[in-house]
Amino acid sequence: MGGSAPAVPRLESNRQLPERWCHPGTGQDRPASGTTVQTDEEPFQHHEAVQPHKTRFHDQHRRQQTCRNEAVCESYLSEVHLRDQLERPAFIFGGQLVNTPGIDIAREEPRFVTIRYNCYVVQENSSVAVVAIVAIIALRQADIISCVEFNHDGDLLATGDKGGRVVIFQRDPISKNSIPRRGEYNVYSTFQSHEPEFDYLKSLEIEEKINKIRWLKRKNPAHFLLSTNDKTIKLWKVSERDKRVEGYNTKEENGTIRDPACITALRVPTIKPMELMVEASPRRIFANAHTYHINSISVNSDQETYLSADDLRINLWHLEITDQSFNIVDIKPTNMEELTEVITAAEFHPAECNVLVYSSSKGTIRLCDMRSAALCDQHSKLFEEPEDPTNRSFFSEIISSISDVKLSNSGRYMISRDYLSVKVWDLQMETKPIECYPVHEYLRSKLCSLYENDCIFDKFECCWSGNDSAIMTGSYNNFFRVFDRTTKRDLTLEAARDIAKPKTLLKPRKVCTGGKRKKDEISVDCLDFNKKILHTAWHPSENVVAVAATNNLFLFQDKL
C-alpha cells in the first residue's frame, strides 16, 4: 500500500459490524454479531464495565495505521485467544503461579465479562476489511478478593470476595508431609456466604462483599468460621461426609415413601462409603445490631464470644445467642455535627479475654479492659504518636488514619498501619511506637494526585509472622513489603504473573524517585495504582504467606 494512509473512520459501539466478515483462523464467513461474541455456545453477558484492562491489541497507534488483510489474524481476538486474555483467577504455590482455567476462585460457573468493540476499517483495493477489533475486557468487581485468613494451624486458608463468596483452600497432605515442607494448597470448598440485600426502611442497598473472615479454634472434626458483610455476621460449619445410610424401612430404592401395609419385615440400615463431600452450612446468623457498616470482627480467646465493630460502635456477642448483643464501646456524639473520628479496626487480645484494642481515623489506638465497666467509653490506655509540625500538611489527617491494627501472637506488641507506614507498639509504652517502618515514603510527593483519584483512602492491612519476628503489608503496583524486626532488613516484592515459573525466586524490587534509573528499578511515575495489595496473611507457624492481588491469590514460601 503506497502513499499516505487513508483516514480510519471509527464505528460507534451501537452500530453493527459489516454484514459478513472473515472469521480468523478458519477462513469461513460468519455473520456479524453486533456487540457480542459467542464462545462455547454461550454468549458473554453484559455487565457494567469496571476498571478496563488494556490488552496488547489496545494500541492507540494502530488507529492511524493501515494493515493488510493478513494482519486480521494477528489483530483479531479469536475465540481461543479471547479466553486466554480473560483475567482468570490464578494461584501461586511456593513462588510458582498456577493458572487454573477449570477452577474459578470466585464462582463455579463460567466467568462472564464485559466485551466492548471499537472497529476500524480501511480501504484497500476497493475492498473493505476489518483490520482491528479492540476488546476491552472488564474485570468483574464481584471477583475481587476482599479478605484472606489462615486458620489456627495453617492447614486451611479462606478468602472472601466482593461477590459474597467464600473459597477455602486446604493444604496438600503430600506437600505438608514432604521434607522440606512445601506450601501447596488446593481448593477445598466454595460457598455463597452473603447475598445482596435491600433495606426498605432506610432505602439502603446492602452489598454482599465479605469484609472479614475469622476462624474459630477446631474442637471436633468440623471447622467453624465467622464471615461478615456490612450488616450481617454468619457462623459457618464446614464438615466432611464420606458415608451415606442405605436400607431405610420407609423408603423405596428410588426414594419414594413405602406403603406401611407392605412393610412385613424390618431392615437394619447400613452405612456405605461414598465420595468425599465437603458441606458448608450456616449455624448462626447475627443480624440487626449495627447501624453503620461493620469493619471488624474478632474472636475472643475464650472461644465463646466475639466482637463486631462498625464506624461508631463495638458490640460483644455470644456464639450461641443470635438475638442479643452487648454494646461495649459507643463513640457516637449526641450531635452528629460534632463527630470528629470513627472506628477503623478492633481486635481482642490473643490471651486475655477481657482486653481489646480499637483504632480510629485520628491515628489513635485505645486499649480497653471490660472488667472496668460495662460500657468501655473510658479507655485504659491511649497509644498516640505526637505529630511532627514540620510534616504538617493538608493531607496529614488523612494519611494518619489507621486502617488496621493487629496484636502480636505473644500479646506483648501490636502493629498499626497508616497510609505511609507500619508502626510497632509496646503495650507497656503509650507515648510513641518502638519501631516505625516506612512502606512507600516515595508517595509523599504524590499525595495530591492520590487524593484526586481517591487512592489516598485505600485501607491497607498488615500481619505478623508466626513468631512475631517479621511484619508484612501491601502497597501499589502489586508490591508487598516484608520487614524483619531482628535484622532490620526490609524487602519490596512483587506478586505478578510474569514471575510465575517453577521454583522462581522473587527478586527484590526498588522504586526510583528521581535521577538516573538503574536497570532493575522502576520509576515512581510508572507505578500502577489500580494494582494494589490490600489484604495479606501469614501462616501461623511457617514462612508461608498469602497475598491477594485483585482477583488473584498468590502463595509464597521460603526458598526450599
Protein backbone atom coordinates (compact mmCIF):
# COMPACT_ATOMS: atom_id res chain seq x y z
CA MET A 1 0.00 0.00 0.00
CA GLY A 2 1.64 3.20 -1.15
CA GLY A 3 1.03 6.84 -0.47
CA SER A 4 -0.42 8.35 2.64
CA ALA A 5 -2.53 6.23 4.91
CA PRO A 6 -6.28 6.69 4.42
CA ALA A 7 -8.36 8.05 7.23
CA VAL A 8 -9.55 5.43 9.67
CA PRO A 9 -13.21 6.01 10.49
CA ARG A 10 -14.47 4.77 13.83
CA LEU A 11 -17.63 2.72 14.09
CA GLU A 12 -19.64 3.64 17.14
CA SER A 13 -20.33 0.83 19.56
CA ASN A 14 -24.06 0.89 18.85
CA ARG A 15 -23.58 0.18 15.14
CA GLN A 16 -23.41 -3.24 13.52
CA LEU A 17 -20.25 -4.76 12.13
CA PRO A 18 -20.06 -5.33 8.36
CA GLU A 19 -22.68 -7.83 7.16
CA ARG A 20 -20.14 -10.59 6.53
CA TRP A 21 -16.63 -10.83 7.81
CA CYS A 22 -13.94 -13.47 7.81
CA HIS A 23 -13.53 -15.49 10.98
CA PRO A 24 -9.77 -15.57 11.61
CA GLY A 25 -8.20 -18.96 11.84
CA THR A 26 -10.95 -20.75 9.90
CA GLY A 27 -11.24 -18.83 6.66
CA GLN A 28 -15.02 -19.20 6.87
CA ASP A 29 -17.53 -16.43 6.63
CA ARG A 30 -19.57 -15.76 9.69
CA PRO A 31 -22.47 -13.35 10.22
CA ALA A 32 -21.70 -10.25 12.19
CA SER A 33 -22.71 -10.48 15.81
CA GLY A 34 -23.08 -6.83 16.71
CA THR A 35 -21.55 -6.23 20.09
CA THR A 36 -21.26 -9.78 21.44
CA VAL A 37 -19.07 -12.73 20.60
CA GLN A 38 -20.31 -16.25 21.23
CA THR A 39 -17.94 -18.89 22.54
CA ASP A 40 -18.79 -22.45 23.56
CA GLU A 41 -22.40 -21.80 22.55
CA GLU A 42 -22.82 -19.40 25.47
CA PRO A 43 -22.88 -15.62 24.83
CA PHE A 44 -20.93 -13.31 27.03
CA GLN A 45 -23.34 -11.44 29.25
CA HIS A 46 -23.06 -7.70 29.56
CA HIS A 47 -22.20 -6.16 32.90
CA GLU A 48 -21.15 -2.72 33.97
CA ALA A 49 -17.52 -2.21 32.97
CA VAL A 50 -15.19 -1.89 35.93
CA GLN A 51 -11.58 -0.80 35.54
CA PRO A 52 -11.00 -1.85 31.91
CA HIS A 53 -7.73 -3.66 31.35
CA LYS A 54 -5.88 -2.87 28.14
CA THR A 55 -4.70 -5.85 26.15
CA ARG A 56 -1.78 -5.82 23.75
CA PHE A 57 -4.28 -5.18 20.96
CA HIS A 58 -5.44 -1.95 22.57
CA ASP A 59 -2.78 0.16 20.92
CA GLN A 60 -3.59 3.77 20.22
CA HIS A 61 -1.10 3.99 17.39
CA ARG A 62 -2.96 1.42 15.32
CA ARG A 63 -5.77 3.88 14.82
CA GLN A 64 -3.62 5.76 12.35
CA GLN A 65 -2.05 2.77 10.63
CA THR A 66 -3.17 0.61 7.75
CA CYS A 67 -2.87 -3.13 7.64
CA ARG A 68 -3.14 -5.86 5.10
CA ASN A 69 -5.92 -8.40 5.24
CA GLU A 70 -3.44 -10.98 6.56
CA ALA A 71 -2.96 -8.84 9.67
CA VAL A 72 -6.51 -9.62 10.72
CA CYS A 73 -5.38 -12.98 12.07
CA GLU A 74 -2.82 -11.21 14.25
CA SER A 75 -5.05 -8.37 15.40
CA TYR A 76 -8.36 -10.06 15.97
CA LEU A 77 -9.03 -11.79 19.25
CA SER A 78 -10.07 -15.27 18.21
CA GLU A 79 -12.33 -17.31 20.43
CA VAL A 80 -9.46 -19.32 21.85
CA HIS A 81 -7.23 -16.29 22.30
CA LEU A 82 -10.09 -14.34 23.82
CA ARG A 83 -10.34 -16.85 26.61
CA ASP A 84 -6.60 -16.56 27.23
CA GLN A 85 -6.98 -12.80 27.68
CA LEU A 86 -9.53 -13.13 30.48
CA GLU A 87 -8.37 -12.10 33.92
CA ARG A 88 -8.68 -15.64 35.29
CA PRO A 89 -8.02 -16.34 38.93
CA ALA A 90 -4.64 -17.89 39.50
CA PHE A 91 -2.92 -19.44 42.45
CA ILE A 92 0.78 -19.36 43.19
CA PHE A 93 2.31 -22.19 45.16
CA GLY A 94 5.80 -21.69 46.54
CA GLY A 95 6.51 -18.80 44.22
CA GLN A 96 5.01 -20.65 41.25
CA LEU A 97 1.85 -19.32 39.70
CA VAL A 98 -0.57 -21.98 38.54
CA ASN A 99 -3.36 -20.80 36.24
CA THR A 100 -6.49 -22.81 36.82
CA PRO A 101 -8.94 -22.32 33.95
CA GLY A 102 -11.19 -25.04 35.32
CA ILE A 103 -11.49 -23.61 38.82
CA ASP A 104 -12.72 -20.10 39.45
CA ILE A 105 -11.81 -18.67 42.81
CA ALA A 106 -14.97 -16.59 42.80
CA ARG A 107 -17.57 -18.83 41.21
CA GLU A 108 -18.04 -22.35 39.93
CA GLU A 109 -19.97 -21.39 36.81
CA PRO A 110 -18.21 -19.86 33.79
CA ARG A 111 -16.95 -16.31 34.13
CA PHE A 112 -18.73 -13.57 32.21
CA VAL A 113 -17.05 -10.31 31.32
CA THR A 114 -17.95 -7.15 29.52
CA ILE A 115 -16.79 -7.02 25.92
CA ARG A 116 -16.94 -3.71 24.07
CA TYR A 117 -15.75 -3.27 20.49
CA ASN A 118 -14.16 -0.40 18.65
CA CYS A 119 -13.82 -1.33 14.98
CA TYR A 120 -11.56 0.42 12.50
CA VAL A 121 -11.99 -0.03 8.74
CA VAL A 122 -9.58 0.85 5.94
CA GLN A 123 -9.98 0.87 2.19
CA GLU A 124 -7.65 -1.44 0.27
CA ASN A 125 -8.05 -2.48 -3.36
CA SER A 126 -11.69 -1.42 -3.29
CA SER A 127 -12.48 -3.98 -0.60
CA VAL A 128 -13.44 -3.27 2.97
CA ALA A 129 -11.81 -5.34 5.67
CA VAL A 130 -11.97 -5.24 9.41
CA VAL A 131 -8.36 -4.75 10.45
CA ALA A 132 -8.65 -4.39 14.19
CA ILE A 133 -11.17 -5.25 16.83
CA VAL A 134 -10.28 -3.80 20.19
CA ALA A 135 -11.79 -5.68 23.08
CA ILE A 136 -11.76 -4.09 26.48
CA ILE A 137 -12.11 -6.87 28.99
CA ALA A 138 -13.54 -5.61 32.23
CA LEU A 139 -12.74 -7.44 35.40
CA ARG A 140 -15.90 -8.27 37.26
CA GLN A 141 -15.88 -6.38 40.52
CA ALA A 142 -17.56 -9.32 42.25
CA ASP A 143 -14.42 -11.42 41.70
CA ILE A 144 -12.08 -9.09 43.58
CA ILE A 145 -10.74 -10.69 46.76
CA SER A 146 -11.71 -8.67 49.83
CA CYS A 147 -10.17 -10.70 52.70
CA VAL A 148 -7.68 -13.52 53.35
CA GLU A 149 -7.27 -15.57 56.54
CA PHE A 150 -5.39 -18.70 57.66
CA ASN A 151 -6.93 -20.92 60.32
CA HIS A 152 -5.10 -21.57 63.60
CA ASP A 153 -2.98 -24.50 62.37
CA GLY A 154 -2.47 -23.13 58.86
CA ASP A 155 -3.96 -26.17 57.10
CA LEU A 156 -6.85 -24.12 55.74
CA LEU A 157 -6.87 -20.74 54.02
CA ALA A 158 -10.10 -18.83 53.46
CA THR A 159 -10.71 -15.99 51.04
CA GLY A 160 -13.77 -13.81 50.63
CA ASP A 161 -14.66 -11.66 47.65
CA LYS A 162 -16.91 -8.78 46.71
CA GLY A 163 -19.46 -11.22 45.31
CA GLY A 164 -20.19 -12.62 48.77
CA ARG A 165 -18.44 -15.93 48.13
CA VAL A 166 -16.02 -17.76 50.41
CA VAL A 167 -13.38 -20.08 48.96
CA ILE A 168 -11.48 -22.37 51.32
CA PHE A 169 -8.14 -23.90 50.34
CA GLN A 170 -6.68 -26.95 52.05
CA ARG A 171 -3.00 -27.71 52.32
CA ASP A 172 -1.91 -30.60 50.14
CA PRO A 173 -1.15 -33.52 52.51
CA ILE A 174 1.78 -34.61 50.33
CA SER A 175 3.38 -31.16 50.44
CA LYS A 176 2.70 -30.90 54.17
CA ASN A 177 4.48 -34.16 54.99
CA SER A 178 7.30 -33.75 52.48
CA ILE A 179 10.83 -32.82 53.51
CA PRO A 180 11.24 -29.91 53.19
CA ARG A 181 7.59 -28.95 53.67
CA ARG A 182 6.00 -27.18 50.72
CA GLY A 183 3.22 -24.62 50.91
CA GLU A 184 0.84 -26.02 48.30
CA TYR A 185 -2.91 -25.56 48.71
CA ASN A 186 -5.87 -26.93 46.74
CA VAL A 187 -9.49 -25.81 46.59
CA TYR A 188 -11.35 -27.45 49.47
CA SER A 189 -14.79 -25.82 49.47
CA THR A 190 -16.65 -22.93 47.88
CA PHE A 191 -19.94 -21.48 49.09
CA GLN A 192 -22.06 -18.36 48.86
CA SER A 193 -21.88 -16.66 52.23
CA HIS A 194 -23.89 -13.47 51.65
CA GLU A 195 -26.40 -12.24 49.09
CA PRO A 196 -27.17 -8.63 48.17
CA GLU A 197 -29.99 -7.18 50.25
CA PHE A 198 -32.04 -4.02 50.39
CA ASP A 199 -33.15 -2.15 53.50
CA TYR A 200 -36.57 -0.82 52.53
CA LEU A 201 -36.95 1.30 55.66
CA LYS A 202 -33.74 3.22 55.02
CA SER A 203 -33.79 2.79 51.24
CA LEU A 204 -30.28 1.40 51.51
CA GLU A 205 -28.67 -1.28 49.39
CA ILE A 206 -26.56 -3.77 51.36
CA GLU A 207 -23.84 -5.25 49.20
CA GLU A 208 -22.72 -8.84 49.53
CA LYS A 209 -19.00 -8.11 49.84
CA ILE A 210 -17.22 -10.14 52.54
CA ASN A 211 -15.47 -7.66 54.81
CA LYS A 212 -13.81 -10.07 57.24
CA ILE A 213 -13.34 -13.79 57.90
CA ARG A 214 -12.27 -15.17 61.26
CA TRP A 215 -11.67 -18.83 62.15
CA LEU A 216 -12.65 -20.47 65.43
CA LYS A 217 -10.28 -22.97 67.01
CA ARG A 218 -11.08 -26.51 65.98
CA LYS A 219 -12.75 -28.65 68.67
CA ASN A 220 -14.16 -31.51 66.58
CA PRO A 221 -13.81 -32.88 63.03
CA ALA A 222 -15.71 -29.87 61.65
CA HIS A 223 -14.34 -26.37 61.07
CA PHE A 224 -16.15 -23.18 62.08
CA LEU A 225 -15.63 -19.66 60.77
CA LEU A 226 -17.29 -16.26 61.00
CA SER A 227 -17.90 -14.15 57.90
CA THR A 228 -19.45 -10.72 57.70
CA ASN A 229 -20.61 -8.16 55.19
CA ASP A 230 -21.64 -4.61 56.07
CA LYS A 231 -24.57 -5.63 58.28
CA THR A 232 -24.84 -9.37 58.91
CA ILE A 233 -22.44 -11.84 60.55
CA LYS A 234 -22.75 -15.57 59.91
CA LEU A 235 -21.26 -18.58 61.66
CA TRP A 236 -20.47 -21.36 59.18
CA LYS A 237 -19.80 -25.03 59.80
CA VAL A 238 -17.58 -26.74 57.24
CA SER A 239 -17.63 -30.53 57.54
CA GLU A 240 -16.76 -33.62 55.52
CA ARG A 241 -19.02 -36.55 54.70
CA ASP A 242 -17.74 -39.75 53.12
CA LYS A 243 -20.50 -42.18 54.17
CA ARG A 244 -24.20 -42.50 53.49
CA VAL A 245 -27.03 -44.50 55.04
CA GLU A 246 -28.88 -47.08 52.94
CA GLY A 247 -31.66 -49.59 53.60
CA TYR A 248 -34.41 -47.41 55.06
CA ASN A 249 -37.60 -49.25 56.02
CA THR A 250 -39.94 -46.47 54.94
CA LYS A 251 -38.39 -45.67 51.55
CA GLU A 252 -38.12 -47.49 48.26
CA GLU A 253 -34.84 -47.65 46.38
CA ASN A 254 -35.89 -44.65 44.28
CA GLY A 255 -36.60 -42.59 47.40
CA THR A 256 -40.41 -42.74 47.39
CA ILE A 257 -42.32 -43.49 50.60
CA ARG A 258 -43.36 -47.12 51.01
CA ASP A 259 -46.89 -48.15 51.92
CA PRO A 260 -46.80 -49.14 55.62
CA ALA A 261 -49.12 -52.05 54.85
CA CYS A 262 -46.48 -53.53 52.57
CA ILE A 263 -43.76 -53.50 55.22
CA THR A 264 -43.57 -57.05 56.54
CA ALA A 265 -40.06 -57.04 57.97
CA LEU A 266 -37.69 -54.56 59.47
CA ARG A 267 -34.30 -53.92 57.92
CA VAL A 268 -31.28 -52.55 59.73
CA PRO A 269 -29.96 -49.52 57.80
CA THR A 270 -26.39 -49.88 56.65
CA ILE A 271 -23.65 -47.30 56.21
CA LYS A 272 -21.96 -47.32 52.82
CA PRO A 273 -18.85 -45.38 51.75
CA MET A 274 -19.30 -42.56 49.25
CA GLU A 275 -17.19 -39.96 47.51
CA LEU A 276 -15.89 -37.33 49.90
CA MET A 277 -18.23 -34.35 50.11
CA VAL A 278 -17.46 -31.07 51.85
CA GLU A 279 -20.54 -29.26 53.12
CA ALA A 280 -20.82 -25.69 54.37
CA SER A 281 -23.91 -24.86 56.40
CA PRO A 282 -24.85 -21.68 58.31
CA ARG A 283 -25.27 -22.45 62.02
CA ARG A 284 -25.93 -18.93 63.34
CA ILE A 285 -26.92 -15.61 61.79
CA PHE A 286 -26.22 -12.44 63.79
CA ALA A 287 -28.11 -9.51 62.29
CA ASN A 288 -29.84 -6.19 63.03
CA ALA A 289 -27.28 -4.97 65.56
CA HIS A 290 -25.27 -2.42 63.57
CA THR A 291 -26.49 0.89 62.22
CA TYR A 292 -23.23 1.53 60.38
CA HIS A 293 -21.00 -0.67 58.25
CA ILE A 294 -19.15 -3.47 60.03
CA ASN A 295 -15.38 -3.17 59.53
CA SER A 296 -14.02 -5.72 62.02
CA ILE A 297 -14.81 -8.97 63.80
CA SER A 298 -12.55 -10.71 66.30
CA VAL A 299 -12.98 -13.98 68.19
CA ASN A 300 -12.18 -13.87 71.89
CA SER A 301 -9.59 -16.17 73.41
CA ASP A 302 -12.35 -17.90 75.40
CA GLN A 303 -13.78 -19.13 72.06
CA GLU A 304 -17.28 -18.35 73.33
CA THR A 305 -17.65 -14.66 72.49
CA TYR A 306 -16.58 -12.33 69.73
CA LEU A 307 -16.77 -8.63 68.94
CA SER A 308 -18.02 -6.78 65.89
CA ALA A 309 -17.15 -3.16 65.19
CA ASP A 310 -18.68 -0.57 62.90
CA ASP A 311 -17.81 3.10 62.43
CA LEU A 312 -19.11 4.23 65.83
CA ARG A 313 -19.85 1.19 68.00
CA ILE A 314 -18.39 -2.13 69.13
CA ASN A 315 -20.71 -4.96 70.14
CA LEU A 316 -19.98 -8.12 72.11
CA TRP A 317 -21.71 -11.35 71.01
CA HIS A 318 -22.04 -14.84 72.39
CA LEU A 319 -21.68 -17.50 69.71
CA GLU A 320 -24.82 -19.29 70.91
CA ILE A 321 -27.06 -16.20 71.14
CA THR A 322 -28.13 -14.52 67.91
CA ASP A 323 -30.84 -12.11 69.07
CA GLN A 324 -28.87 -10.21 71.70
CA SER A 325 -25.55 -8.41 71.86
CA PHE A 326 -23.93 -6.01 74.32
CA ASN A 327 -22.70 -2.60 73.29
CA ILE A 328 -19.25 -2.19 74.89
CA VAL A 329 -17.95 0.88 73.00
CA ASP A 330 -20.01 3.79 71.71
CA ILE A 331 -18.30 6.93 70.40
CA LYS A 332 -21.36 8.40 68.68
CA PRO A 333 -21.80 12.04 69.78
CA THR A 334 -25.19 13.44 70.71
CA ASN A 335 -24.91 15.87 67.84
CA MET A 336 -23.52 14.21 64.71
CA GLU A 337 -22.09 17.55 63.60
CA GLU A 338 -19.58 17.16 66.42
CA LEU A 339 -18.30 13.85 65.04
CA THR A 340 -14.51 14.03 64.72
CA GLU A 341 -13.41 10.40 64.36
CA VAL A 342 -14.64 6.92 63.53
CA ILE A 343 -13.56 3.41 64.50
CA THR A 344 -11.44 1.80 61.79
CA ALA A 345 -10.42 -1.57 63.31
CA ALA A 346 -10.84 -3.59 66.51
CA GLU A 347 -9.35 -6.79 67.92
CA PHE A 348 -9.32 -8.91 71.06
CA HIS A 349 -6.12 -9.70 72.94
CA PRO A 350 -4.88 -13.19 71.96
CA ALA A 351 -4.61 -14.40 75.58
CA GLU A 352 -6.51 -12.02 77.90
CA CYS A 353 -10.22 -12.32 77.21
CA ASN A 354 -11.07 -9.03 78.94
CA VAL A 355 -8.75 -6.82 76.85
CA LEU A 356 -9.45 -5.34 73.43
CA VAL A 357 -7.98 -2.60 71.28
CA TYR A 358 -9.52 -0.39 68.62
CA SER A 359 -8.07 2.22 66.29
CA SER A 360 -9.55 5.42 64.95
CA SER A 361 -9.33 7.71 61.96
CA LYS A 362 -7.43 10.21 64.12
CA GLY A 363 -4.43 7.91 64.31
CA THR A 364 -5.02 6.83 67.90
CA ILE A 365 -5.31 3.34 69.41
CA ARG A 366 -7.28 2.72 72.58
CA LEU A 367 -6.92 -0.28 74.86
CA CYS A 368 -9.99 -1.17 76.91
CA ASP A 369 -10.50 -3.52 79.87
CA MET A 370 -14.03 -4.90 80.01
CA ARG A 371 -13.65 -5.56 83.74
CA SER A 372 -13.57 -1.84 84.49
CA ALA A 373 -17.05 -1.02 83.23
CA ALA A 374 -19.88 -2.46 81.18
CA LEU A 375 -19.50 0.37 78.66
CA CYS A 376 -15.84 0.98 77.84
CA ASP A 377 -16.16 4.64 76.97
CA GLN A 378 -13.14 5.37 79.13
CA HIS A 379 -10.09 3.64 77.77
CA SER A 380 -7.38 2.12 79.93
CA LYS A 381 -4.54 3.16 77.63
CA LEU A 382 -4.19 5.56 74.72
CA PHE A 383 -1.48 5.00 72.12
CA GLU A 384 -0.74 8.09 70.06
CA GLU A 385 2.37 9.49 68.42
CA PRO A 386 2.76 13.27 68.60
CA GLU A 387 2.60 14.91 65.19
CA ASP A 388 5.73 16.45 63.75
CA PRO A 389 4.87 20.12 63.00
CA THR A 390 7.35 20.18 60.11
CA ASN A 391 5.39 17.49 58.26
CA ARG A 392 2.03 19.18 58.77
CA SER A 393 0.03 19.47 55.54
CA PHE A 394 -3.47 19.38 54.10
CA PHE A 395 -3.28 15.58 53.96
CA SER A 396 -1.92 14.99 57.46
CA GLU A 397 -5.21 13.88 58.99
CA ILE A 398 -5.98 11.56 56.08
CA ILE A 399 -2.66 9.75 55.98
CA SER A 400 -2.52 9.44 59.78
CA SER A 401 -5.77 7.46 59.85
CA ILE A 402 -5.09 3.88 60.98
CA SER A 403 -6.51 1.31 58.57
CA ASP A 404 -5.56 -1.84 60.51
CA VAL A 405 -4.31 -2.90 63.92
CA LYS A 406 -3.04 -6.36 64.91
CA LEU A 407 -1.87 -7.67 68.26
CA SER A 408 1.17 -9.93 68.19
CA ASN A 409 0.82 -13.65 68.81
CA SER A 410 2.65 -13.23 72.11
CA GLY A 411 0.31 -10.43 73.18
CA ARG A 412 3.22 -8.13 74.04
CA TYR A 413 3.17 -5.88 70.97
CA MET A 414 0.81 -4.58 68.33
CA ILE A 415 1.22 -3.11 64.87
CA SER A 416 -0.77 -0.34 63.25
CA ARG A 417 -0.91 0.55 59.57
CA ASP A 418 -1.49 4.07 58.36
CA TYR A 419 -1.23 5.19 54.75
CA LEU A 420 2.55 5.57 54.56
CA SER A 421 3.97 3.40 57.35
CA VAL A 422 3.70 0.48 59.76
CA LYS A 423 4.35 1.12 63.44
CA VAL A 424 5.14 -1.34 66.22
CA TRP A 425 3.85 -0.52 69.69
CA ASP A 426 4.75 -1.99 73.06
CA LEU A 427 1.61 -2.37 75.16
CA GLN A 428 3.59 -1.10 78.14
CA MET A 429 4.55 2.19 76.43
CA GLU A 430 1.86 4.54 75.18
CA THR A 431 3.86 7.64 74.28
CA LYS A 432 5.37 6.54 70.99
CA PRO A 433 5.95 3.43 68.85
CA ILE A 434 9.12 1.45 69.44
CA GLU A 435 9.60 0.81 65.72
CA CYS A 436 8.44 2.57 62.56
CA TYR A 437 8.78 1.15 59.05
CA PRO A 438 8.07 3.35 56.00
CA VAL A 439 6.09 1.40 53.40
CA HIS A 440 6.06 3.75 50.42
CA GLU A 441 7.52 7.06 51.54
CA TYR A 442 8.21 7.90 47.91
CA LEU A 443 4.48 8.61 47.51
CA ARG A 444 4.54 11.59 49.87
CA SER A 445 5.25 13.91 46.96
CA LYS A 446 2.25 12.49 45.08
CA LEU A 447 -0.39 12.85 47.76
CA CYS A 448 -2.25 15.46 45.73
CA SER A 449 -2.80 13.16 42.76
CA LEU A 450 -3.56 10.25 45.10
CA TYR A 451 -6.21 12.40 46.73
CA GLU A 452 -7.76 13.23 43.38
CA ASN A 453 -8.08 9.58 42.35
CA ASP A 454 -9.22 8.52 45.87
CA CYS A 455 -6.27 6.14 46.34
CA ILE A 456 -5.32 8.04 49.47
CA PHE A 457 -8.35 6.44 51.15
CA ASP A 458 -7.26 2.85 50.45
CA LYS A 459 -7.31 0.61 53.53
CA PHE A 460 -4.15 -1.49 53.68
CA GLU A 461 -3.95 -4.40 56.12
CA CYS A 462 -0.90 -5.72 57.94
CA CYS A 463 0.02 -9.01 59.60
CA TRP A 464 2.57 -10.65 61.90
CA SER A 465 4.70 -13.68 61.18
CA GLY A 466 4.10 -16.71 63.39
CA ASN A 467 6.98 -15.88 65.76
CA ASP A 468 6.41 -12.09 65.67
CA SER A 469 9.85 -11.52 64.12
CA ALA A 470 8.57 -10.09 60.83
CA ILE A 471 5.76 -7.89 59.51
CA MET A 472 4.08 -7.85 56.12
CA THR A 473 1.83 -5.32 54.41
CA GLY A 474 0.81 -4.32 50.89
CA SER A 475 1.44 -1.44 48.54
CA TYR A 476 0.74 -0.37 44.95
CA ASN A 477 1.86 -1.89 41.65
CA ASN A 478 1.21 -5.33 43.24
CA PHE A 479 4.14 -4.73 45.59
CA PHE A 480 4.16 -6.04 49.13
CA ARG A 481 6.63 -5.19 51.88
CA VAL A 482 8.27 -7.53 54.39
CA PHE A 483 10.12 -6.11 57.40
CA ASP A 484 12.45 -8.25 59.51
CA ARG A 485 12.45 -6.86 63.05
CA THR A 486 15.60 -8.74 64.05
CA THR A 487 17.94 -7.80 61.21
CA LYS A 488 16.12 -4.54 60.35
CA ARG A 489 16.12 -5.70 56.74
CA ASP A 490 13.17 -4.82 54.53
CA LEU A 491 12.12 -6.21 51.15
CA THR A 492 9.88 -4.99 48.38
CA LEU A 493 8.48 -7.94 46.44
CA GLU A 494 6.06 -8.11 43.54
CA ALA A 495 3.17 -10.51 43.04
CA ALA A 496 2.99 -10.71 39.26
CA ARG A 497 2.25 -13.33 36.66
CA ASP A 498 5.47 -12.80 34.75
CA ILE A 499 7.42 -14.40 37.61
CA ALA A 500 5.19 -17.47 37.53
CA LYS A 501 7.69 -20.19 36.70
CA PRO A 502 8.53 -23.32 38.70
CA LYS A 503 10.74 -22.55 41.70
CA THR A 504 11.03 -18.92 40.72
CA LEU A 505 12.89 -16.79 43.24
CA LEU A 506 11.38 -13.39 43.90
CA LYS A 507 13.88 -10.63 43.35
CA PRO A 508 13.61 -7.51 45.49
CA ARG A 509 12.21 -4.52 43.62
CA LYS A 510 13.35 -0.93 44.01
CA VAL A 511 11.47 2.27 43.25
CA CYS A 512 13.41 5.17 41.77
CA THR A 513 12.25 8.59 42.94
CA GLY A 514 14.43 10.70 40.68
CA GLY A 515 17.69 10.98 38.85
CA LYS A 516 19.12 8.23 36.70
CA ARG A 517 17.18 4.99 36.97
CA LYS A 518 19.01 1.69 37.14
CA LYS A 519 18.05 -1.28 35.02
CA ASP A 520 16.29 -3.22 37.77
CA GLU A 521 14.48 -0.20 39.22
CA ILE A 522 11.02 1.13 38.45
CA SER A 523 10.20 4.81 38.35
CA VAL A 524 7.69 6.14 40.83
CA ASP A 525 5.88 7.72 37.88
CA CYS A 526 5.36 4.26 36.34
CA LEU A 527 3.58 2.72 39.32
CA ASP A 528 0.12 1.34 38.59
CA PHE A 529 -2.22 2.50 41.34
CA ASN A 530 -5.02 0.25 40.09
CA LYS A 531 -2.89 -2.75 41.07
CA LYS A 532 -2.82 -2.77 44.83
CA ILE A 533 -2.36 -5.38 47.54
CA LEU A 534 -4.69 -4.56 50.40
CA HIS A 535 -5.07 -7.99 52.01
CA THR A 536 -2.30 -10.27 53.26
CA ALA A 537 -2.00 -13.22 55.65
CA TRP A 538 0.91 -15.10 57.23
CA HIS A 539 0.91 -18.80 58.12
CA PRO A 540 0.73 -19.13 61.94
CA SER A 541 3.84 -21.32 62.24
CA GLU A 542 5.71 -21.34 58.90
CA ASN A 543 7.10 -18.81 56.46
CA VAL A 544 4.21 -19.17 54.02
CA VAL A 545 2.37 -16.00 53.06
CA ALA A 546 -0.85 -15.37 51.15
CA VAL A 547 -1.24 -12.21 49.09
CA ALA A 548 -4.44 -11.08 47.38
CA ALA A 549 -3.84 -9.03 44.23
CA THR A 550 -7.19 -8.01 42.77
CA ASN A 551 -8.77 -11.37 41.77
CA ASN A 552 -5.55 -13.39 42.04
CA LEU A 553 -4.37 -15.27 45.10
CA PHE A 554 -0.61 -15.73 45.48
CA LEU A 555 1.11 -18.05 47.92
CA PHE A 556 4.82 -17.67 48.59
CA GLN A 557 7.17 -19.55 50.87
CA ASP A 558 10.80 -19.56 51.92
CA LYS A 559 13.36 -20.89 49.49
CA LEU A 560 13.46 -24.68 49.84
